[in-house]
């Protein structure tokens, strides 16, 4: 049984730091539900999961997971409770941690043919980023793109918040917002900013904006979308606040916006005419 001092465990522990994740191209995944998603990826993509560390008690509970992991070529090892605890920043570890390969898909290729994309501009909170990734997955989005000074989506807190959705859709990174905008437009996506001060209110009047391929840009809760990015967008849309709440949190706003696009696009596909005349698209 491996301990926290075992070299394999010590090497994995370094992945709690962003620098180590960047250097190795690996990251940590904790918990049973995400572990099944990770192993499912490894079954079709050899090498997607490198190591699986599990306590005795969890190994007894999740025998099927271990059988599948070993069949997929994942190195599995029994570890002490203390070793698992050293691989996570949670108070009550679940007894299961994986080392996974980080994928960095080519952004232009991943966005080719996309109809719905969530863009996180300068979002620094890992919990928010992970929850938006999960929300985008639930809405059927084609990708999530992080741009500007954004959090690492492979931060352990972000990975936990994504609840396995990190393995379901491309998670892209482009530091330059100008390059991100150019790539989105080259893919034929209209760029719509969610902005509390937007000139257009989300609702039936925006269906024509959202019926075509759309990239929703969302900013941090503290600072919103950067001014230059908001100014360069095709439209700035505000989510209506009917009650006395000051604002919505980022994940809730993302859900409202993404599902508004889903509804508008499904309406268009069904043959019903959405409100308005045209869809958003790159400048002609």
C-alpha atoms as a PDB file:
ATOM      1  CA  UNK A   1       0.000   0.000   0.000  1.00  0.00           C
ATOM      2  CA  UNK A   2       1.359   3.378  -1.019  1.00  0.00           C
ATOM      3  CA  UNK A   3       1.843   6.165   1.494  1.00  0.00           C
ATOM      4  CA  UNK A   4       2.054   9.925   1.100  1.00  0.00           C
ATOM      5  CA  UNK A   5       5.848   9.584   0.893  1.00  0.00           C
ATOM      6  CA  UNK A   6       5.792   7.169  -2.051  1.00  0.00           C
ATOM      7  CA  UNK A   7       7.363   8.868  -5.114  1.00  0.00           C
ATOM      8  CA  UNK A   8       4.262   8.299  -7.285  1.00  0.00           C
ATOM      9  CA  UNK A   9       2.034   9.928  -4.688  1.00  0.00           C
ATOM     10  CA  UNK A  10       4.524  12.743  -4.101  1.00  0.00           C
ATOM     11  CA  UNK A  11       4.683  13.434  -7.846  1.00  0.00           C
ATOM     12  CA  UNK A  12       0.883  13.524  -8.064  1.00  0.00           C
ATOM     13  CA  UNK A  13       0.700  15.896  -5.094  1.00  0.00           C
ATOM     14  CA  UNK A  14       2.662  18.512  -7.059  1.00  0.00           C
ATOM     15  CA  UNK A  15      -0.316  18.751  -9.434  1.00  0.00           C
ATOM     16  CA  UNK A  16      -2.165  20.746  -6.800  1.00  0.00           C
ATOM     17  CA  UNK A  17      -0.026  23.624  -8.139  1.00  0.00           C
ATOM     18  CA  UNK A  18      -0.750  25.252 -11.479  1.00  0.00           C
ATOM     19  CA  UNK A  19       2.912  25.351 -12.502  1.00  0.00           C
ATOM     20  CA  UNK A  20       3.193  21.581 -12.182  1.00  0.00           C
ATOM     21  CA  UNK A  21       0.011  21.061 -14.186  1.00  0.00           C
ATOM     22  CA  UNK A  22       1.336  23.279 -16.939  1.00  0.00           C
ATOM     23  CA  UNK A  23       4.737  21.563 -16.954  1.00  0.00           C
ATOM     24  CA  UNK A  24       3.428  17.992 -16.966  1.00  0.00           C
ATOM     25  CA  UNK A  25       0.174  18.342 -18.867  1.00  0.00           C
ATOM     26  CA  UNK A  26      -1.588  16.441 -16.090  1.00  0.00           C
ATOM     27  CA  UNK A  27      -4.179  17.240 -13.445  1.00  0.00           C
ATOM     28  CA  UNK A  28      -5.995  15.646 -10.518  1.00  0.00           C
ATOM     29  CA  UNK A  29      -9.576  14.395 -10.406  1.00  0.00           C
ATOM     30  CA  UNK A  30     -11.241  13.549  -7.109  1.00  0.00           C
ATOM     31  CA  UNK A  31     -14.460  11.683  -6.424  1.00  0.00           C
ATOM     32  CA  UNK A  32     -16.484   8.744  -7.666  1.00  0.00           C
ATOM     33  CA  UNK A  33     -18.771  10.380 -10.254  1.00  0.00           C
ATOM     34  CA  UNK A  34     -15.976  12.226 -12.084  1.00  0.00           C
ATOM     35  CA  UNK A  35     -13.821   9.096 -11.863  1.00  0.00           C
ATOM     36  CA  UNK A  36     -16.336   7.144 -13.936  1.00  0.00           C
ATOM     37  CA  UNK A  37     -16.312   9.898 -16.570  1.00  0.00           C
ATOM     38  CA  UNK A  38     -12.519   9.909 -16.623  1.00  0.00           C
ATOM     39  CA  UNK A  39     -12.300   6.123 -16.982  1.00  0.00           C
ATOM     40  CA  UNK A  40     -14.921   6.207 -19.748  1.00  0.00           C
ATOM     41  CA  UNK A  41     -12.645   8.631 -21.589  1.00  0.00           C
ATOM     42  CA  UNK A  42      -9.660   6.314 -21.039  1.00  0.00           C
ATOM     43  CA  UNK A  43     -11.600   3.403 -22.551  1.00  0.00           C
ATOM     44  CA  UNK A  44     -11.688   5.189 -25.901  1.00  0.00           C
ATOM     45  CA  UNK A  45      -8.604   7.382 -25.481  1.00  0.00           C
ATOM     46  CA  UNK A  46      -5.675   5.389 -24.067  1.00  0.00           C
ATOM     47  CA  UNK A  47      -3.511   7.454 -21.748  1.00  0.00           C
ATOM     48  CA  UNK A  48      -6.289   9.857 -20.765  1.00  0.00           C
ATOM     49  CA  UNK A  49      -5.947   8.557 -17.187  1.00  0.00           C
ATOM     50  CA  UNK A  50      -2.464   7.802 -15.898  1.00  0.00           C
ATOM     51  CA  UNK A  51      -2.962   6.766 -12.273  1.00  0.00           C
ATOM     52  CA  UNK A  52      -5.833   5.847  -9.991  1.00  0.00           C
ATOM     53  CA  UNK A  53      -5.155   6.036  -6.248  1.00  0.00           C
ATOM     54  CA  UNK A  54      -7.791   4.454  -4.036  1.00  0.00           C
ATOM     55  CA  UNK A  55      -8.211   3.524  -0.394  1.00  0.00           C
ATOM     56  CA  UNK A  56      -9.077  -0.007   0.702  1.00  0.00           C
ATOM     57  CA  UNK A  57     -12.603   0.952   1.692  1.00  0.00           C
ATOM     58  CA  UNK A  58     -13.337   2.736  -1.584  1.00  0.00           C
ATOM     59  CA  UNK A  59     -11.814  -0.119  -3.601  1.00  0.00           C
ATOM     60  CA  UNK A  60     -14.292  -2.509  -2.016  1.00  0.00           C
ATOM     61  CA  UNK A  61     -17.192  -0.183  -2.851  1.00  0.00           C
ATOM     62  CA  UNK A  62     -16.148   0.583  -6.430  1.00  0.00           C
ATOM     63  CA  UNK A  63     -14.825  -2.729  -7.730  1.00  0.00           C
ATOM     64  CA  UNK A  64     -16.402  -2.230 -11.143  1.00  0.00           C
ATOM     65  CA  UNK A  65     -14.601   1.081 -11.572  1.00  0.00           C
ATOM     66  CA  UNK A  66     -11.250  -0.509 -10.777  1.00  0.00           C
ATOM     67  CA  UNK A  67     -11.889  -3.399 -13.164  1.00  0.00           C
ATOM     68  CA  UNK A  68     -12.742  -0.967 -15.955  1.00  0.00           C
ATOM     69  CA  UNK A  69      -9.748   1.230 -15.164  1.00  0.00           C
ATOM     70  CA  UNK A  70      -7.303  -1.670 -15.264  1.00  0.00           C
ATOM     71  CA  UNK A  71      -8.816  -2.938 -18.514  1.00  0.00           C
ATOM     72  CA  UNK A  72      -8.288   0.547 -19.972  1.00  0.00           C
ATOM     73  CA  UNK A  73      -4.600   0.454 -19.034  1.00  0.00           C
ATOM     74  CA  UNK A  74      -4.795   2.745 -16.007  1.00  0.00           C
ATOM     75  CA  UNK A  75      -2.251   2.109 -13.262  1.00  0.00           C
ATOM     76  CA  UNK A  76      -4.176   1.507 -10.056  1.00  0.00           C
ATOM     77  CA  UNK A  77      -2.786   1.492  -6.551  1.00  0.00           C
ATOM     78  CA  UNK A  78      -4.111   1.090  -3.030  1.00  0.00           C
ATOM     79  CA  UNK A  79      -3.079   4.005  -0.830  1.00  0.00           C
ATOM     80  CA  UNK A  80      -3.509   5.030   2.767  1.00  0.00           C
ATOM     81  CA  UNK A  81      -6.171   7.497   3.864  1.00  0.00           C
ATOM     82  CA  UNK A  82      -3.385   9.936   4.628  1.00  0.00           C
ATOM     83  CA  UNK A  83      -1.995   9.587   1.104  1.00  0.00           C
ATOM     84  CA  UNK A  84      -5.376  10.390  -0.460  1.00  0.00           C
ATOM     85  CA  UNK A  85      -5.803  13.337   1.888  1.00  0.00           C
ATOM     86  CA  UNK A  86      -2.456  14.707   0.688  1.00  0.00           C
ATOM     87  CA  UNK A  87      -3.765  14.758  -2.899  1.00  0.00           C
ATOM     88  CA  UNK A  88      -6.793  16.950  -2.256  1.00  0.00           C
ATOM     89  CA  UNK A  89      -7.675  20.262  -0.675  1.00  0.00           C
ATOM     90  CA  UNK A  90     -11.096  19.075   0.511  1.00  0.00           C
ATOM     91  CA  UNK A  91     -11.917  18.575   4.184  1.00  0.00           C
ATOM     92  CA  UNK A  92     -13.471  15.123   3.705  1.00  0.00           C
ATOM     93  CA  UNK A  93     -11.743  13.265   0.823  1.00  0.00           C
ATOM     94  CA  UNK A  94     -13.783  10.579  -0.918  1.00  0.00           C
ATOM     95  CA  UNK A  95     -10.927   8.086  -1.008  1.00  0.00           C
ATOM     96  CA  UNK A  96     -10.358   8.181  -4.756  1.00  0.00           C
ATOM     97  CA  UNK A  97      -8.016  10.408  -6.779  1.00  0.00           C
ATOM     98  CA  UNK A  98      -6.942  10.084 -10.410  1.00  0.00           C
ATOM     99  CA  UNK A  99      -4.089  11.617 -12.356  1.00  0.00           C
ATOM    100  CA  UNK A 100      -5.394  12.536 -15.813  1.00  0.00           C
ATOM    101  CA  UNK A 101      -3.866  13.887 -18.976  1.00  0.00           C
ATOM    102  CA  UNK A 102      -4.828  17.444 -19.732  1.00  0.00           C
ATOM    103  CA  UNK A 103      -6.071  18.009 -23.255  1.00  0.00           C
ATOM    104  CA  UNK A 104      -5.472  21.315 -25.012  1.00  0.00           C
ATOM    105  CA  UNK A 105      -7.443  21.036 -28.265  1.00  0.00           C
ATOM    106  CA  UNK A 106      -6.729  23.364 -31.146  1.00  0.00           C
ATOM    107  CA  UNK A 107      -9.246  26.170 -30.666  1.00  0.00           C
ATOM    108  CA  UNK A 108     -10.059  26.786 -34.330  1.00  0.00           C
ATOM    109  CA  UNK A 109     -10.549  23.092 -35.003  1.00  0.00           C
ATOM    110  CA  UNK A 110     -12.693  22.579 -31.894  1.00  0.00           C
ATOM    111  CA  UNK A 111     -14.956  25.506 -32.819  1.00  0.00           C
ATOM    112  CA  UNK A 112     -15.477  24.392 -36.416  1.00  0.00           C
ATOM    113  CA  UNK A 113     -19.193  23.831 -36.902  1.00  0.00           C
ATOM    114  CA  UNK A 114     -20.043  24.912 -33.341  1.00  0.00           C
ATOM    115  CA  UNK A 115     -23.480  26.376 -32.714  1.00  0.00           C
ATOM    116  CA  UNK A 116     -23.229  27.272 -29.028  1.00  0.00           C
ATOM    117  CA  UNK A 117     -20.149  28.227 -27.030  1.00  0.00           C
ATOM    118  CA  UNK A 118     -19.694  29.650 -23.536  1.00  0.00           C
ATOM    119  CA  UNK A 119     -16.821  32.115 -23.244  1.00  0.00           C
ATOM    120  CA  UNK A 120     -15.423  33.005 -19.822  1.00  0.00           C
ATOM    121  CA  UNK A 121     -13.564  36.314 -19.995  1.00  0.00           C
ATOM    122  CA  UNK A 122     -11.251  36.940 -17.052  1.00  0.00           C
ATOM    123  CA  UNK A 123     -13.196  34.651 -14.717  1.00  0.00           C
ATOM    124  CA  UNK A 124     -10.848  34.014 -11.801  1.00  0.00           C
ATOM    125  CA  UNK A 125     -12.995  31.936  -9.451  1.00  0.00           C
ATOM    126  CA  UNK A 126     -12.399  28.214 -10.055  1.00  0.00           C
ATOM    127  CA  UNK A 127     -15.751  27.171  -8.601  1.00  0.00           C
ATOM    128  CA  UNK A 128     -17.569  29.496 -10.991  1.00  0.00           C
ATOM    129  CA  UNK A 129     -15.551  28.258 -13.959  1.00  0.00           C
ATOM    130  CA  UNK A 130     -16.230  24.616 -13.160  1.00  0.00           C
ATOM    131  CA  UNK A 131     -19.927  25.221 -12.634  1.00  0.00           C
ATOM    132  CA  UNK A 132     -20.222  27.035 -15.970  1.00  0.00           C
ATOM    133  CA  UNK A 133     -18.468  24.112 -17.678  1.00  0.00           C
ATOM    134  CA  UNK A 134     -21.068  21.803 -16.119  1.00  0.00           C
ATOM    135  CA  UNK A 135     -23.889  24.162 -17.160  1.00  0.00           C
ATOM    136  CA  UNK A 136     -22.592  24.397 -20.719  1.00  0.00           C
ATOM    137  CA  UNK A 137     -22.411  20.615 -20.900  1.00  0.00           C
ATOM    138  CA  UNK A 138     -26.002  20.324 -19.651  1.00  0.00           C
ATOM    139  CA  UNK A 139     -27.199  22.837 -22.244  1.00  0.00           C
ATOM    140  CA  UNK A 140     -25.505  20.914 -25.043  1.00  0.00           C
ATOM    141  CA  UNK A 141     -22.926  23.593 -25.794  1.00  0.00           C
ATOM    142  CA  UNK A 142     -20.140  22.616 -28.181  1.00  0.00           C
ATOM    143  CA  UNK A 143     -17.281  24.098 -26.150  1.00  0.00           C
ATOM    144  CA  UNK A 144     -16.206  26.370 -23.334  1.00  0.00           C
ATOM    145  CA  UNK A 145     -13.504  28.933 -24.067  1.00  0.00           C
ATOM    146  CA  UNK A 146     -11.547  30.727 -21.327  1.00  0.00           C
ATOM    147  CA  UNK A 147      -9.868  33.941 -22.354  1.00  0.00           C
ATOM    148  CA  UNK A 148      -7.991  36.830 -20.774  1.00  0.00           C
ATOM    149  CA  UNK A 149      -6.609  36.449 -17.265  1.00  0.00           C
ATOM    150  CA  UNK A 150      -8.825  33.446 -16.509  1.00  0.00           C
ATOM    151  CA  UNK A 151      -8.495  30.685 -13.950  1.00  0.00           C
ATOM    152  CA  UNK A 152      -6.934  27.350 -14.872  1.00  0.00           C
ATOM    153  CA  UNK A 153      -9.921  25.071 -15.635  1.00  0.00           C
ATOM    154  CA  UNK A 154      -7.842  22.158 -14.305  1.00  0.00           C
ATOM    155  CA  UNK A 155      -7.604  23.726 -10.860  1.00  0.00           C
ATOM    156  CA  UNK A 156      -8.852  21.041  -8.405  1.00  0.00           C
ATOM    157  CA  UNK A 157     -11.792  23.204  -7.294  1.00  0.00           C
ATOM    158  CA  UNK A 158     -12.805  23.851 -10.897  1.00  0.00           C
ATOM    159  CA  UNK A 159     -12.524  20.154 -11.736  1.00  0.00           C
ATOM    160  CA  UNK A 160     -14.738  19.235  -8.768  1.00  0.00           C
ATOM    161  CA  UNK A 161     -17.326  21.870  -9.681  1.00  0.00           C
ATOM    162  CA  UNK A 162     -17.500  20.576 -13.258  1.00  0.00           C
ATOM    163  CA  UNK A 163     -18.644  17.168 -11.920  1.00  0.00           C
ATOM    164  CA  UNK A 164     -17.098  15.273 -14.812  1.00  0.00           C
ATOM    165  CA  UNK A 165     -18.284  17.647 -17.536  1.00  0.00           C
ATOM    166  CA  UNK A 166     -14.646  18.527 -18.170  1.00  0.00           C
ATOM    167  CA  UNK A 167     -14.501  15.175 -19.999  1.00  0.00           C
ATOM    168  CA  UNK A 168     -17.646  15.760 -22.072  1.00  0.00           C
ATOM    169  CA  UNK A 169     -16.845  18.812 -24.192  1.00  0.00           C
ATOM    170  CA  UNK A 170     -13.762  20.734 -25.342  1.00  0.00           C
ATOM    171  CA  UNK A 171     -12.454  23.205 -22.768  1.00  0.00           C
ATOM    172  CA  UNK A 172     -10.337  25.713 -24.651  1.00  0.00           C
ATOM    173  CA  UNK A 173      -7.942  28.425 -23.566  1.00  0.00           C
ATOM    174  CA  UNK A 174      -6.845  31.544 -25.459  1.00  0.00           C
ATOM    175  CA  UNK A 175      -5.086  34.218 -23.440  1.00  0.00           C
ATOM    176  CA  UNK A 176      -5.541  36.968 -26.031  1.00  0.00           C
ATOM    177  CA  UNK A 177      -9.121  38.237 -26.172  1.00  0.00           C
ATOM    178  CA  UNK A 178      -8.470  39.662 -29.645  1.00  0.00           C
ATOM    179  CA  UNK A 179      -7.360  36.241 -30.874  1.00  0.00           C
ATOM    180  CA  UNK A 180     -10.349  34.619 -29.166  1.00  0.00           C
ATOM    181  CA  UNK A 181     -12.766  37.004 -30.902  1.00  0.00           C
ATOM    182  CA  UNK A 182     -11.128  36.448 -34.268  1.00  0.00           C
ATOM    183  CA  UNK A 183     -11.337  32.676 -33.891  1.00  0.00           C
ATOM    184  CA  UNK A 184     -14.976  32.778 -32.808  1.00  0.00           C
ATOM    185  CA  UNK A 185     -15.921  34.917 -35.780  1.00  0.00           C
ATOM    186  CA  UNK A 186     -13.900  32.802 -38.179  1.00  0.00           C
ATOM    187  CA  UNK A 187     -15.978  29.842 -36.973  1.00  0.00           C
ATOM    188  CA  UNK A 188     -19.154  31.736 -37.903  1.00  0.00           C
ATOM    189  CA  UNK A 189     -20.273  32.437 -34.357  1.00  0.00           C
ATOM    190  CA  UNK A 190     -22.038  35.625 -33.367  1.00  0.00           C
ATOM    191  CA  UNK A 191     -20.533  37.140 -30.217  1.00  0.00           C
ATOM    192  CA  UNK A 192     -23.081  38.123 -27.561  1.00  0.00           C
ATOM    193  CA  UNK A 193     -22.010  39.594 -24.231  1.00  0.00           C
ATOM    194  CA  UNK A 194     -24.067  39.039 -21.107  1.00  0.00           C
ATOM    195  CA  UNK A 195     -24.006  42.509 -19.558  1.00  0.00           C
ATOM    196  CA  UNK A 196     -26.169  43.919 -16.790  1.00  0.00           C
ATOM    197  CA  UNK A 197     -26.087  47.241 -18.618  1.00  0.00           C
ATOM    198  CA  UNK A 198     -26.728  45.758 -22.045  1.00  0.00           C
ATOM    199  CA  UNK A 199     -28.927  47.708 -24.425  1.00  0.00           C
ATOM    200  CA  UNK A 200     -31.151  44.683 -25.170  1.00  0.00           C
ATOM    201  CA  UNK A 201     -33.145  42.667 -22.632  1.00  0.00           C
ATOM    202  CA  UNK A 202     -33.088  38.891 -22.950  1.00  0.00           C
ATOM    203  CA  UNK A 203     -36.495  37.647 -24.045  1.00  0.00           C
ATOM    204  CA  UNK A 204     -38.612  37.196 -27.175  1.00  0.00           C
ATOM    205  CA  UNK A 205     -37.002  40.261 -28.744  1.00  0.00           C
ATOM    206  CA  UNK A 206     -33.598  38.561 -28.687  1.00  0.00           C
ATOM    207  CA  UNK A 207     -34.689  35.291 -30.307  1.00  0.00           C
ATOM    208  CA  UNK A 208     -33.521  36.531 -33.693  1.00  0.00           C
ATOM    209  CA  UNK A 209     -30.078  37.239 -32.195  1.00  0.00           C
ATOM    210  CA  UNK A 210     -29.740  33.774 -30.715  1.00  0.00           C
ATOM    211  CA  UNK A 211     -31.219  31.530 -33.396  1.00  0.00           C
ATOM    212  CA  UNK A 212     -27.903  31.269 -35.207  1.00  0.00           C
ATOM    213  CA  UNK A 213     -24.526  30.022 -33.997  1.00  0.00           C
ATOM    214  CA  UNK A 214     -23.740  32.005 -30.860  1.00  0.00           C
ATOM    215  CA  UNK A 215     -20.882  32.511 -28.428  1.00  0.00           C
ATOM    216  CA  UNK A 216     -22.066  33.864 -25.080  1.00  0.00           C
ATOM    217  CA  UNK A 217     -19.366  35.922 -23.340  1.00  0.00           C
ATOM    218  CA  UNK A 218     -19.573  36.062 -19.540  1.00  0.00           C
ATOM    219  CA  UNK A 219     -17.290  37.987 -17.223  1.00  0.00           C
ATOM    220  CA  UNK A 220     -16.334  37.728 -13.585  1.00  0.00           C
ATOM    221  CA  UNK A 221     -18.936  38.570 -10.948  1.00  0.00           C
ATOM    222  CA  UNK A 222     -16.688  41.293  -9.574  1.00  0.00           C
ATOM    223  CA  UNK A 223     -15.714  43.076 -12.792  1.00  0.00           C
ATOM    224  CA  UNK A 224     -17.961  41.827 -15.575  1.00  0.00           C
ATOM    225  CA  UNK A 225     -16.787  41.542 -19.166  1.00  0.00           C
ATOM    226  CA  UNK A 226     -13.796  43.780 -19.982  1.00  0.00           C
ATOM    227  CA  UNK A 227     -14.883  46.997 -21.667  1.00  0.00           C
ATOM    228  CA  UNK A 228     -12.880  46.422 -24.855  1.00  0.00           C
ATOM    229  CA  UNK A 229     -14.366  42.975 -25.322  1.00  0.00           C
ATOM    230  CA  UNK A 230     -17.896  44.213 -24.651  1.00  0.00           C
ATOM    231  CA  UNK A 231     -17.418  47.023 -27.163  1.00  0.00           C
ATOM    232  CA  UNK A 232     -16.227  44.581 -29.831  1.00  0.00           C
ATOM    233  CA  UNK A 233     -19.186  42.194 -29.430  1.00  0.00           C
ATOM    234  CA  UNK A 234     -22.067  41.959 -31.874  1.00  0.00           C
ATOM    235  CA  UNK A 235     -24.624  42.541 -29.105  1.00  0.00           C
ATOM    236  CA  UNK A 236     -24.790  43.267 -25.374  1.00  0.00           C
ATOM    237  CA  UNK A 237     -27.737  41.568 -23.707  1.00  0.00           C
ATOM    238  CA  UNK A 238     -28.911  41.946 -20.131  1.00  0.00           C
ATOM    239  CA  UNK A 239     -30.747  39.273 -18.156  1.00  0.00           C
ATOM    240  CA  UNK A 240     -33.864  40.897 -16.683  1.00  0.00           C
ATOM    241  CA  UNK A 241     -34.053  41.191 -12.909  1.00  0.00           C
ATOM    242  CA  UNK A 242     -37.735  41.219 -11.951  1.00  0.00           C
ATOM    243  CA  UNK A 243     -37.324  41.182  -8.201  1.00  0.00           C
ATOM    244  CA  UNK A 244     -35.091  43.126  -5.819  1.00  0.00           C
ATOM    245  CA  UNK A 245     -31.941  41.036  -6.197  1.00  0.00           C
ATOM    246  CA  UNK A 246     -28.969  43.107  -7.253  1.00  0.00           C
ATOM    247  CA  UNK A 247     -27.730  40.521  -9.743  1.00  0.00           C
ATOM    248  CA  UNK A 248     -27.453  36.842 -10.610  1.00  0.00           C
ATOM    249  CA  UNK A 249     -24.379  34.780  -9.891  1.00  0.00           C
ATOM    250  CA  UNK A 250     -22.275  33.784 -12.861  1.00  0.00           C
ATOM    251  CA  UNK A 251     -23.422  30.175 -13.188  1.00  0.00           C
ATOM    252  CA  UNK A 252     -27.094  31.119 -12.993  1.00  0.00           C
ATOM    253  CA  UNK A 253     -26.675  33.839 -15.594  1.00  0.00           C
ATOM    254  CA  UNK A 254     -24.837  31.365 -17.820  1.00  0.00           C
ATOM    255  CA  UNK A 255     -27.682  28.872 -17.536  1.00  0.00           C
ATOM    256  CA  UNK A 256     -30.306  31.489 -18.407  1.00  0.00           C
ATOM    257  CA  UNK A 257     -28.342  32.719 -21.432  1.00  0.00           C
ATOM    258  CA  UNK A 258     -27.312  29.336 -22.810  1.00  0.00           C
ATOM    259  CA  UNK A 259     -30.784  27.874 -22.541  1.00  0.00           C
ATOM    260  CA  UNK A 260     -32.233  30.966 -24.213  1.00  0.00           C
ATOM    261  CA  UNK A 261     -30.001  30.135 -27.178  1.00  0.00           C
ATOM    262  CA  UNK A 262     -31.044  26.485 -27.065  1.00  0.00           C
ATOM    263  CA  UNK A 263     -34.709  27.484 -27.216  1.00  0.00           C
ATOM    264  CA  UNK A 264     -34.174  29.979 -30.041  1.00  0.00           C
ATOM    265  CA  UNK A 265     -32.140  27.510 -32.098  1.00  0.00           C
ATOM    266  CA  UNK A 266     -34.627  24.680 -31.575  1.00  0.00           C
ATOM    267  CA  UNK A 267     -37.473  26.990 -32.561  1.00  0.00           C
ATOM    268  CA  UNK A 268     -35.659  27.861 -35.767  1.00  0.00           C
ATOM    269  CA  UNK A 269     -34.975  24.210 -36.568  1.00  0.00           C
ATOM    270  CA  UNK A 270     -38.617  23.344 -36.018  1.00  0.00           C
ATOM    271  CA  UNK A 271     -39.582  25.778 -38.737  1.00  0.00           C
ATOM    272  CA  UNK A 272     -41.247  28.380 -36.532  1.00  0.00           C
ATOM    273  CA  UNK A 273     -40.069  31.921 -37.196  1.00  0.00           C
ATOM    274  CA  UNK A 274     -38.300  33.486 -34.167  1.00  0.00           C
ATOM    275  CA  UNK A 275     -39.007  37.087 -33.318  1.00  0.00           C
ATOM    276  CA  UNK A 276     -37.041  39.557 -35.440  1.00  0.00           C
ATOM    277  CA  UNK A 277     -35.377  39.307 -38.791  1.00  0.00           C
ATOM    278  CA  UNK A 278     -31.747  38.275 -38.577  1.00  0.00           C
ATOM    279  CA  UNK A 279     -29.349  36.214 -36.522  1.00  0.00           C
ATOM    280  CA  UNK A 280     -26.149  37.493 -35.041  1.00  0.00           C
ATOM    281  CA  UNK A 281     -23.053  36.781 -37.074  1.00  0.00           C
ATOM    282  CA  UNK A 282     -19.616  38.080 -37.811  1.00  0.00           C
ATOM    283  CA  UNK A 283     -19.489  41.569 -39.312  1.00  0.00           C
ATOM    284  CA  UNK A 284     -19.806  41.495 -43.096  1.00  0.00           C
END
